[in-house]
């Protein structure tokens, strides 16, 4: 596999950090700045990404595409790349359902490309040992070798498209789903005037919950990105014949918190609960 040039579409904090990691290991990482914010441009520059302005220019200069974007945009990005008749290797590392991963694979492969399903667990890889990239598909071992020596630990799950996305969906179903549930519980307790009593009882019988129920304050600026992820997880549950209502509810919680997008400072728990209560009434 040619390790020299990868088109990274469309990097936020996670994607830019991955691109920077690859760049530090001698791999040229290209991105398209057209239509992107000044914040995205500054982040990409800091991480050593090469700006080729347009997606088309990136694809013409690359034989690998790495898609790291909000879940709701994943299929549109796959269609955009397929529309350019890209014949290289396409790595979808988005938080989408296994069914959506298979749909993206069909889009890419119908245009003559090769598809690898990916799922990221952990924070942006700014330090080693924090972040895993799960991979599945016939070319998954090639992608794992691409990440050899980087801060990302690549783990191959097999050849089945959807396995990596399934693992990611199951993991986030708990981590991000439970944050939404605890936030909604605190909002209900406050509405009913029993929040202090609930926190006291949690401290006695569930001592980790008072702290965990405040974790949303650090996550609220990213809540807008999790709306689509919760909807993808709900779809995965429903495809398996399981109720998807849990995570559609989680998506609704994060919709209520979308106003905190890119906030310069983390909101307080009071501000978070007020946002939920105000939009629920």
C-alpha atoms as a PDB file:
ATOM      1  CA  UNK A   1       0.000   0.000   0.000  1.00  0.00           C
ATOM      2  CA  UNK A   2       1.238   3.484  -0.882  1.00  0.00           C
ATOM      3  CA  UNK A   3       1.618   5.273   2.447  1.00  0.00           C
ATOM      4  CA  UNK A   4       2.506   8.639   0.953  1.00  0.00           C
ATOM      5  CA  UNK A   5      -0.802  10.491   0.576  1.00  0.00           C
ATOM      6  CA  UNK A   6      -4.129  10.237   2.379  1.00  0.00           C
ATOM      7  CA  UNK A   7      -7.144  12.466   1.740  1.00  0.00           C
ATOM      8  CA  UNK A   8      -8.739  13.256   5.111  1.00  0.00           C
ATOM      9  CA  UNK A   9     -12.443  14.190   4.812  1.00  0.00           C
ATOM     10  CA  UNK A  10     -13.637  16.318   6.689  1.00  0.00           C
ATOM     11  CA  UNK A  11     -11.581  16.716   9.850  1.00  0.00           C
ATOM     12  CA  UNK A  12     -12.914  18.091  13.093  1.00  0.00           C
ATOM     13  CA  UNK A  13     -10.975  17.750  16.328  1.00  0.00           C
ATOM     14  CA  UNK A  14     -10.812  13.947  16.090  1.00  0.00           C
ATOM     15  CA  UNK A  15      -9.951  13.796  12.405  1.00  0.00           C
ATOM     16  CA  UNK A  16      -7.350  16.523  12.612  1.00  0.00           C
ATOM     17  CA  UNK A  17      -5.626  14.787  15.534  1.00  0.00           C
ATOM     18  CA  UNK A  18      -5.544  11.507  13.591  1.00  0.00           C
ATOM     19  CA  UNK A  19      -4.163  13.325  10.562  1.00  0.00           C
ATOM     20  CA  UNK A  20      -1.517  14.980  12.692  1.00  0.00           C
ATOM     21  CA  UNK A  21      -0.531  11.614  14.134  1.00  0.00           C
ATOM     22  CA  UNK A  22      -0.117  10.134  10.650  1.00  0.00           C
ATOM     23  CA  UNK A  23       1.746  13.211   9.434  1.00  0.00           C
ATOM     24  CA  UNK A  24       4.243  12.904  12.287  1.00  0.00           C
ATOM     25  CA  UNK A  25       4.993   9.388  11.041  1.00  0.00           C
ATOM     26  CA  UNK A  26       5.929  10.480   7.539  1.00  0.00           C
ATOM     27  CA  UNK A  27       2.558  10.156   5.824  1.00  0.00           C
ATOM     28  CA  UNK A  28       1.339  13.107   3.788  1.00  0.00           C
ATOM     29  CA  UNK A  29      -2.212  13.970   4.826  1.00  0.00           C
ATOM     30  CA  UNK A  30      -4.282  16.159   2.509  1.00  0.00           C
ATOM     31  CA  UNK A  31      -7.507  17.968   3.293  1.00  0.00           C
ATOM     32  CA  UNK A  32      -9.924  20.344   1.565  1.00  0.00           C
ATOM     33  CA  UNK A  33     -10.475  23.722   3.226  1.00  0.00           C
ATOM     34  CA  UNK A  34     -13.235  24.922   0.883  1.00  0.00           C
ATOM     35  CA  UNK A  35     -16.304  25.776   2.956  1.00  0.00           C
ATOM     36  CA  UNK A  36     -14.593  25.004   6.262  1.00  0.00           C
ATOM     37  CA  UNK A  37     -14.390  27.349   9.229  1.00  0.00           C
ATOM     38  CA  UNK A  38     -11.414  29.420  10.338  1.00  0.00           C
ATOM     39  CA  UNK A  39     -11.190  27.167  13.407  1.00  0.00           C
ATOM     40  CA  UNK A  40     -10.920  24.075  11.190  1.00  0.00           C
ATOM     41  CA  UNK A  41      -8.255  25.752   9.056  1.00  0.00           C
ATOM     42  CA  UNK A  42      -6.179  26.741  12.076  1.00  0.00           C
ATOM     43  CA  UNK A  43      -6.451  23.256  13.592  1.00  0.00           C
ATOM     44  CA  UNK A  44      -5.479  21.555  10.326  1.00  0.00           C
ATOM     45  CA  UNK A  45      -2.495  23.850   9.894  1.00  0.00           C
ATOM     46  CA  UNK A  46      -1.334  23.166  13.449  1.00  0.00           C
ATOM     47  CA  UNK A  47      -1.588  19.421  12.820  1.00  0.00           C
ATOM     48  CA  UNK A  48       0.490  19.579   9.642  1.00  0.00           C
ATOM     49  CA  UNK A  49      -2.276  18.794   7.150  1.00  0.00           C
ATOM     50  CA  UNK A  50      -1.744  19.900   3.539  1.00  0.00           C
ATOM     51  CA  UNK A  51      -4.531  22.046   2.155  1.00  0.00           C
ATOM     52  CA  UNK A  52      -5.529  21.091  -1.400  1.00  0.00           C
ATOM     53  CA  UNK A  53      -8.599  23.366  -1.250  1.00  0.00           C
ATOM     54  CA  UNK A  54     -11.157  21.045  -2.897  1.00  0.00           C
ATOM     55  CA  UNK A  55     -12.183  17.433  -2.383  1.00  0.00           C
ATOM     56  CA  UNK A  56     -11.542  16.728  -6.042  1.00  0.00           C
ATOM     57  CA  UNK A  57      -7.957  17.967  -5.803  1.00  0.00           C
ATOM     58  CA  UNK A  58      -7.383  15.845  -2.702  1.00  0.00           C
ATOM     59  CA  UNK A  59      -8.705  12.722  -4.394  1.00  0.00           C
ATOM     60  CA  UNK A  60      -6.629  13.235  -7.533  1.00  0.00           C
ATOM     61  CA  UNK A  61      -3.506  13.327  -5.372  1.00  0.00           C
ATOM     62  CA  UNK A  62      -4.345  10.426  -3.028  1.00  0.00           C
ATOM     63  CA  UNK A  63      -4.950   6.701  -3.192  1.00  0.00           C
ATOM     64  CA  UNK A  64      -6.446   6.467   0.303  1.00  0.00           C
ATOM     65  CA  UNK A  65      -9.415   8.345   1.766  1.00  0.00           C
ATOM     66  CA  UNK A  66     -10.056   8.569   5.502  1.00  0.00           C
ATOM     67  CA  UNK A  67     -13.549   9.826   6.328  1.00  0.00           C
ATOM     68  CA  UNK A  68     -13.930  11.269   9.847  1.00  0.00           C
ATOM     69  CA  UNK A  69     -17.026  13.475   9.979  1.00  0.00           C
ATOM     70  CA  UNK A  70     -20.286  13.860  11.932  1.00  0.00           C
ATOM     71  CA  UNK A  71     -22.413  10.708  11.521  1.00  0.00           C
ATOM     72  CA  UNK A  72     -25.214  12.450   9.647  1.00  0.00           C
ATOM     73  CA  UNK A  73     -22.749  13.400   6.874  1.00  0.00           C
ATOM     74  CA  UNK A  74     -21.051  10.010   6.433  1.00  0.00           C
ATOM     75  CA  UNK A  75     -23.122   8.750   3.517  1.00  0.00           C
ATOM     76  CA  UNK A  76     -22.987  12.119   1.762  1.00  0.00           C
ATOM     77  CA  UNK A  77     -19.178  12.051   1.973  1.00  0.00           C
ATOM     78  CA  UNK A  78     -19.134   8.519   0.551  1.00  0.00           C
ATOM     79  CA  UNK A  79     -21.367   9.665  -2.325  1.00  0.00           C
ATOM     80  CA  UNK A  80     -19.140  12.689  -2.919  1.00  0.00           C
ATOM     81  CA  UNK A  81     -16.068  10.463  -3.198  1.00  0.00           C
ATOM     82  CA  UNK A  82     -17.841   7.887  -5.371  1.00  0.00           C
ATOM     83  CA  UNK A  83     -18.986  10.704  -7.633  1.00  0.00           C
ATOM     84  CA  UNK A  84     -15.318  11.438  -8.319  1.00  0.00           C
ATOM     85  CA  UNK A  85     -14.904   7.800  -9.480  1.00  0.00           C
ATOM     86  CA  UNK A  86     -12.337   7.123  -6.758  1.00  0.00           C
ATOM     87  CA  UNK A  87     -10.682   3.712  -7.224  1.00  0.00           C
ATOM     88  CA  UNK A  88      -8.503   3.683  -4.118  1.00  0.00           C
ATOM     89  CA  UNK A  89      -9.032   2.567  -0.526  1.00  0.00           C
ATOM     90  CA  UNK A  90     -11.812   4.264   1.442  1.00  0.00           C
ATOM     91  CA  UNK A  91     -11.721   4.065   5.264  1.00  0.00           C
ATOM     92  CA  UNK A  92     -14.981   5.087   6.937  1.00  0.00           C
ATOM     93  CA  UNK A  93     -14.154   5.823  10.574  1.00  0.00           C
ATOM     94  CA  UNK A  94     -17.481   7.451  11.437  1.00  0.00           C
ATOM     95  CA  UNK A  95     -19.891   6.611  14.263  1.00  0.00           C
ATOM     96  CA  UNK A  96     -22.534   5.028  12.051  1.00  0.00           C
ATOM     97  CA  UNK A  97     -24.671   1.916  12.322  1.00  0.00           C
ATOM     98  CA  UNK A  98     -23.509  -1.371  10.795  1.00  0.00           C
ATOM     99  CA  UNK A  99     -26.276  -0.999   8.221  1.00  0.00           C
ATOM    100  CA  UNK A 100     -25.056   2.471   7.253  1.00  0.00           C
ATOM    101  CA  UNK A 101     -21.510   1.115   6.966  1.00  0.00           C
ATOM    102  CA  UNK A 102     -22.719  -1.547   4.546  1.00  0.00           C
ATOM    103  CA  UNK A 103     -24.580   1.127   2.567  1.00  0.00           C
ATOM    104  CA  UNK A 104     -21.435   3.277   2.414  1.00  0.00           C
ATOM    105  CA  UNK A 105     -19.455   0.230   1.259  1.00  0.00           C
ATOM    106  CA  UNK A 106     -21.926  -0.370  -1.564  1.00  0.00           C
ATOM    107  CA  UNK A 107     -21.614   3.274  -2.656  1.00  0.00           C
ATOM    108  CA  UNK A 108     -17.805   3.187  -2.736  1.00  0.00           C
ATOM    109  CA  UNK A 109     -17.488  -0.257  -4.282  1.00  0.00           C
ATOM    110  CA  UNK A 110     -20.014   0.516  -7.023  1.00  0.00           C
ATOM    111  CA  UNK A 111     -17.633   3.266  -8.182  1.00  0.00           C
ATOM    112  CA  UNK A 112     -14.657   0.882  -8.196  1.00  0.00           C
ATOM    113  CA  UNK A 113     -13.179   1.671  -4.784  1.00  0.00           C
ATOM    114  CA  UNK A 114     -12.288  -0.574  -1.858  1.00  0.00           C
ATOM    115  CA  UNK A 115     -13.954  -0.104   1.532  1.00  0.00           C
ATOM    116  CA  UNK A 116     -12.826  -0.624   5.121  1.00  0.00           C
ATOM    117  CA  UNK A 117     -15.209  -0.178   8.045  1.00  0.00           C
ATOM    118  CA  UNK A 118     -13.740   1.659  11.046  1.00  0.00           C
ATOM    119  CA  UNK A 119     -14.851   2.576  14.547  1.00  0.00           C
ATOM    120  CA  UNK A 120     -12.944   4.896  16.880  1.00  0.00           C
ATOM    121  CA  UNK A 121     -13.056   4.423  20.646  1.00  0.00           C
ATOM    122  CA  UNK A 122     -11.363   7.026  22.823  1.00  0.00           C
ATOM    123  CA  UNK A 123     -10.457  10.723  22.614  1.00  0.00           C
ATOM    124  CA  UNK A 124      -8.528  12.456  19.822  1.00  0.00           C
ATOM    125  CA  UNK A 125      -5.114  10.712  19.820  1.00  0.00           C
ATOM    126  CA  UNK A 126      -2.922  13.419  21.249  1.00  0.00           C
ATOM    127  CA  UNK A 127      -1.036  10.885  23.361  1.00  0.00           C
ATOM    128  CA  UNK A 128      -0.319   7.175  22.992  1.00  0.00           C
ATOM    129  CA  UNK A 129      -2.460   4.503  24.610  1.00  0.00           C
ATOM    130  CA  UNK A 130      -5.734   6.431  24.683  1.00  0.00           C
ATOM    131  CA  UNK A 131      -7.452   5.603  21.403  1.00  0.00           C
ATOM    132  CA  UNK A 132      -8.324   2.477  19.425  1.00  0.00           C
ATOM    133  CA  UNK A 133      -9.316   2.166  15.789  1.00  0.00           C
ATOM    134  CA  UNK A 134     -11.355  -0.979  15.192  1.00  0.00           C
ATOM    135  CA  UNK A 135     -11.314  -2.189  11.602  1.00  0.00           C
ATOM    136  CA  UNK A 136     -13.189  -4.724   9.495  1.00  0.00           C
ATOM    137  CA  UNK A 137     -13.192  -5.641   5.827  1.00  0.00           C
ATOM    138  CA  UNK A 138     -10.892  -7.500   3.474  1.00  0.00           C
ATOM    139  CA  UNK A 139      -8.379  -4.643   3.444  1.00  0.00           C
ATOM    140  CA  UNK A 140      -8.499  -4.059   7.214  1.00  0.00           C
ATOM    141  CA  UNK A 141      -5.012  -5.562   7.786  1.00  0.00           C
ATOM    142  CA  UNK A 142      -3.584  -3.089   5.251  1.00  0.00           C
ATOM    143  CA  UNK A 143      -5.097  -0.194   7.193  1.00  0.00           C
ATOM    144  CA  UNK A 144      -3.796  -1.607  10.481  1.00  0.00           C
ATOM    145  CA  UNK A 145      -0.288  -1.581   9.001  1.00  0.00           C
ATOM    146  CA  UNK A 146      -0.823   2.013   7.891  1.00  0.00           C
ATOM    147  CA  UNK A 147      -1.329   2.967  11.553  1.00  0.00           C
ATOM    148  CA  UNK A 148       1.569   0.874  12.849  1.00  0.00           C
ATOM    149  CA  UNK A 149       3.771   2.980  15.123  1.00  0.00           C
ATOM    150  CA  UNK A 150       1.243   5.808  15.473  1.00  0.00           C
ATOM    151  CA  UNK A 151      -0.565   6.794  18.661  1.00  0.00           C
ATOM    152  CA  UNK A 152      -3.672   4.951  17.408  1.00  0.00           C
ATOM    153  CA  UNK A 153      -3.911   1.259  18.231  1.00  0.00           C
ATOM    154  CA  UNK A 154      -5.465  -0.476  15.206  1.00  0.00           C
ATOM    155  CA  UNK A 155      -7.447  -3.647  15.972  1.00  0.00           C
ATOM    156  CA  UNK A 156      -8.721  -5.873  13.143  1.00  0.00           C
ATOM    157  CA  UNK A 157     -12.058  -7.581  13.848  1.00  0.00           C
ATOM    158  CA  UNK A 158     -12.313  -9.603  10.634  1.00  0.00           C
ATOM    159  CA  UNK A 159     -13.499  -9.278   7.075  1.00  0.00           C
ATOM    160  CA  UNK A 160     -17.183  -8.506   7.685  1.00  0.00           C
ATOM    161  CA  UNK A 161     -18.210  -4.922   6.853  1.00  0.00           C
ATOM    162  CA  UNK A 162     -20.244  -3.635   9.809  1.00  0.00           C
ATOM    163  CA  UNK A 163     -18.265  -5.347  12.569  1.00  0.00           C
ATOM    164  CA  UNK A 164     -16.175  -2.281  13.429  1.00  0.00           C
ATOM    165  CA  UNK A 165     -19.209   0.009  13.330  1.00  0.00           C
ATOM    166  CA  UNK A 166     -21.126  -2.506  15.449  1.00  0.00           C
ATOM    167  CA  UNK A 167     -18.427  -2.532  18.112  1.00  0.00           C
ATOM    168  CA  UNK A 168     -18.369   1.268  18.190  1.00  0.00           C
ATOM    169  CA  UNK A 169     -22.177   1.414  18.397  1.00  0.00           C
ATOM    170  CA  UNK A 170     -22.274  -1.009  21.323  1.00  0.00           C
ATOM    171  CA  UNK A 171     -19.549   0.902  23.163  1.00  0.00           C
ATOM    172  CA  UNK A 172     -21.121   4.343  22.681  1.00  0.00           C
ATOM    173  CA  UNK A 173     -24.599   2.981  23.426  1.00  0.00           C
ATOM    174  CA  UNK A 174     -23.444   2.752  27.025  1.00  0.00           C
ATOM    175  CA  UNK A 175     -20.946   5.603  27.407  1.00  0.00           C
ATOM    176  CA  UNK A 176     -22.894   8.378  25.684  1.00  0.00           C
ATOM    177  CA  UNK A 177     -26.290   6.805  26.272  1.00  0.00           C
ATOM    178  CA  UNK A 178     -25.741   6.653  30.031  1.00  0.00           C
ATOM    179  CA  UNK A 179     -24.598  10.294  30.133  1.00  0.00           C
ATOM    180  CA  UNK A 180     -27.862  11.315  28.471  1.00  0.00           C
ATOM    181  CA  UNK A 181     -29.888   9.178  30.886  1.00  0.00           C
ATOM    182  CA  UNK A 182     -28.196  10.584  33.993  1.00  0.00           C
ATOM    183  CA  UNK A 183     -28.620  14.138  32.710  1.00  0.00           C
ATOM    184  CA  UNK A 184     -32.330  13.578  32.119  1.00  0.00           C
ATOM    185  CA  UNK A 185     -32.711  11.981  35.572  1.00  0.00           C
ATOM    186  CA  UNK A 186     -31.156  15.010  37.264  1.00  0.00           C
ATOM    187  CA  UNK A 187     -33.419  17.320  35.268  1.00  0.00           C
ATOM    188  CA  UNK A 188     -36.465  15.331  36.387  1.00  0.00           C
ATOM    189  CA  UNK A 189     -35.294  15.308  40.015  1.00  0.00           C
ATOM    190  CA  UNK A 190     -34.807  19.074  39.931  1.00  0.00           C
ATOM    191  CA  UNK A 191     -38.232  19.563  38.334  1.00  0.00           C
ATOM    192  CA  UNK A 192     -39.821  17.515  41.140  1.00  0.00           C
ATOM    193  CA  UNK A 193     -37.810  19.253  43.867  1.00  0.00           C
ATOM    194  CA  UNK A 194     -35.957  16.107  44.985  1.00  0.00           C
ATOM    195  CA  UNK A 195     -32.519  16.651  43.412  1.00  0.00           C
ATOM    196  CA  UNK A 196     -30.689  17.154  46.720  1.00  0.00           C
ATOM    197  CA  UNK A 197     -32.312  14.071  48.215  1.00  0.00           C
ATOM    198  CA  UNK A 198     -31.447  12.034  45.114  1.00  0.00           C
ATOM    199  CA  UNK A 199     -27.812  13.141  45.232  1.00  0.00           C
ATOM    200  CA  UNK A 200     -27.667  12.182  48.918  1.00  0.00           C
ATOM    201  CA  UNK A 201     -29.069   8.739  48.186  1.00  0.00           C
ATOM    202  CA  UNK A 202     -26.710   8.252  45.266  1.00  0.00           C
ATOM    203  CA  UNK A 203     -23.816   9.185  47.567  1.00  0.00           C
ATOM    204  CA  UNK A 204     -24.917   6.432  49.965  1.00  0.00           C
ATOM    205  CA  UNK A 205     -25.850   3.632  47.585  1.00  0.00           C
ATOM    206  CA  UNK A 206     -24.378   4.559  44.171  1.00  0.00           C
ATOM    207  CA  UNK A 207     -21.306   6.607  45.116  1.00  0.00           C
ATOM    208  CA  UNK A 208     -20.005   7.015  41.560  1.00  0.00           C
ATOM    209  CA  UNK A 209     -23.217   8.568  40.240  1.00  0.00           C
ATOM    210  CA  UNK A 210     -23.029  12.111  41.696  1.00  0.00           C
ATOM    211  CA  UNK A 211     -19.782  12.750  39.823  1.00  0.00           C
ATOM    212  CA  UNK A 212     -20.890  10.896  36.690  1.00  0.00           C
ATOM    213  CA  UNK A 213     -24.147  12.831  36.608  1.00  0.00           C
ATOM    214  CA  UNK A 214     -22.102  16.028  36.201  1.00  0.00           C
ATOM    215  CA  UNK A 215     -19.939  14.698  33.375  1.00  0.00           C
ATOM    216  CA  UNK A 216     -22.298  16.269  30.847  1.00  0.00           C
ATOM    217  CA  UNK A 217     -20.845  19.680  31.703  1.00  0.00           C
ATOM    218  CA  UNK A 218     -17.586  18.738  30.004  1.00  0.00           C
ATOM    219  CA  UNK A 219     -19.324  17.079  27.071  1.00  0.00           C
ATOM    220  CA  UNK A 220     -22.070  19.605  26.296  1.00  0.00           C
ATOM    221  CA  UNK A 221     -20.051  21.519  23.643  1.00  0.00           C
ATOM    222  CA  UNK A 222     -19.869  18.230  21.678  1.00  0.00           C
ATOM    223  CA  UNK A 223     -23.485  17.196  22.269  1.00  0.00           C
ATOM    224  CA  UNK A 224     -24.540  18.368  18.790  1.00  0.00           C
ATOM    225  CA  UNK A 225     -22.264  15.710  17.268  1.00  0.00           C
ATOM    226  CA  UNK A 226     -23.842  12.971  19.362  1.00  0.00           C
ATOM    227  CA  UNK A 227     -27.398  13.515  18.075  1.00  0.00           C
ATOM    228  CA  UNK A 228     -26.700  11.641  14.864  1.00  0.00           C
ATOM    229  CA  UNK A 229     -24.641   9.023  16.673  1.00  0.00           C
ATOM    230  CA  UNK A 230     -27.519   8.191  19.017  1.00  0.00           C
ATOM    231  CA  UNK A 231     -29.867   7.960  16.039  1.00  0.00           C
ATOM    232  CA  UNK A 232     -27.441   5.583  14.307  1.00  0.00           C
ATOM    233  CA  UNK A 233     -27.290   3.448  17.453  1.00  0.00           C
ATOM    234  CA  UNK A 234     -31.086   3.389  17.635  1.00  0.00           C
ATOM    235  CA  UNK A 235     -31.163   2.153  14.044  1.00  0.00           C
ATOM    236  CA  UNK A 236     -28.647  -0.564  14.885  1.00  0.00           C
ATOM    237  CA  UNK A 237     -30.808  -1.762  17.796  1.00  0.00           C
ATOM    238  CA  UNK A 238     -33.926  -1.780  15.649  1.00  0.00           C
ATOM    239  CA  UNK A 239     -32.208  -3.664  12.835  1.00  0.00           C
ATOM    240  CA  UNK A 240     -31.369  -6.352  15.415  1.00  0.00           C
ATOM    241  CA  UNK A 241     -35.020  -6.510  16.509  1.00  0.00           C
ATOM    242  CA  UNK A 242     -34.326  -4.580  19.716  1.00  0.00           C
ATOM    243  CA  UNK A 243     -36.000  -1.376  20.947  1.00  0.00           C
ATOM    244  CA  UNK A 244     -34.339   1.761  19.628  1.00  0.00           C
ATOM    245  CA  UNK A 245     -36.343   4.085  21.857  1.00  0.00           C
ATOM    246  CA  UNK A 246     -33.617   4.318  24.505  1.00  0.00           C
ATOM    247  CA  UNK A 247     -31.203   6.018  22.161  1.00  0.00           C
ATOM    248  CA  UNK A 248     -33.768   8.070  20.282  1.00  0.00           C
ATOM    249  CA  UNK A 249     -34.458   9.549  23.719  1.00  0.00           C
ATOM    250  CA  UNK A 250     -30.730  10.134  24.187  1.00  0.00           C
ATOM    251  CA  UNK A 251     -30.650  11.907  20.825  1.00  0.00           C
ATOM    252  CA  UNK A 252     -33.475  14.169  22.037  1.00  0.00           C
ATOM    253  CA  UNK A 253     -31.479  15.030  25.181  1.00  0.00           C
ATOM    254  CA  UNK A 254     -28.499  16.025  23.052  1.00  0.00           C
ATOM    255  CA  UNK A 255     -30.728  18.056  20.736  1.00  0.00           C
ATOM    256  CA  UNK A 256     -31.725  20.092  23.784  1.00  0.00           C
ATOM    257  CA  UNK A 257     -28.049  20.784  24.460  1.00  0.00           C
ATOM    258  CA  UNK A 258     -27.032  21.679  20.912  1.00  0.00           C
ATOM    259  CA  UNK A 259     -26.985  25.370  21.836  1.00  0.00           C
ATOM    260  CA  UNK A 260     -23.735  24.734  23.721  1.00  0.00           C
ATOM    261  CA  UNK A 261     -21.951  23.861  20.458  1.00  0.00           C
ATOM    262  CA  UNK A 262     -18.344  25.070  20.462  1.00  0.00           C
ATOM    263  CA  UNK A 263     -18.854  26.973  23.720  1.00  0.00           C
ATOM    264  CA  UNK A 264     -15.629  28.605  24.862  1.00  0.00           C
ATOM    265  CA  UNK A 265     -16.202  27.410  28.433  1.00  0.00           C
ATOM    266  CA  UNK A 266     -17.998  24.352  29.756  1.00  0.00           C
ATOM    267  CA  UNK A 267     -21.482  25.142  31.046  1.00  0.00           C
ATOM    268  CA  UNK A 268     -22.395  24.499  34.665  1.00  0.00           C
ATOM    269  CA  UNK A 269     -24.755  21.699  35.615  1.00  0.00           C
ATOM    270  CA  UNK A 270     -27.330  24.386  36.397  1.00  0.00           C
ATOM    271  CA  UNK A 271     -27.078  25.736  32.846  1.00  0.00           C
ATOM    272  CA  UNK A 272     -27.382  22.253  31.370  1.00  0.00           C
ATOM    273  CA  UNK A 273     -30.424  21.328  33.420  1.00  0.00           C
ATOM    274  CA  UNK A 274     -32.043  24.692  32.721  1.00  0.00           C
ATOM    275  CA  UNK A 275     -31.614  24.099  28.976  1.00  0.00           C
ATOM    276  CA  UNK A 276     -33.308  20.711  29.262  1.00  0.00           C
ATOM    277  CA  UNK A 277     -36.163  21.971  31.422  1.00  0.00           C
ATOM    278  CA  UNK A 278     -36.751  25.096  29.346  1.00  0.00           C
ATOM    279  CA  UNK A 279     -37.050  23.165  26.095  1.00  0.00           C
ATOM    280  CA  UNK A 280     -39.154  20.431  27.627  1.00  0.00           C
ATOM    281  CA  UNK A 281     -41.881  22.728  28.952  1.00  0.00           C
END
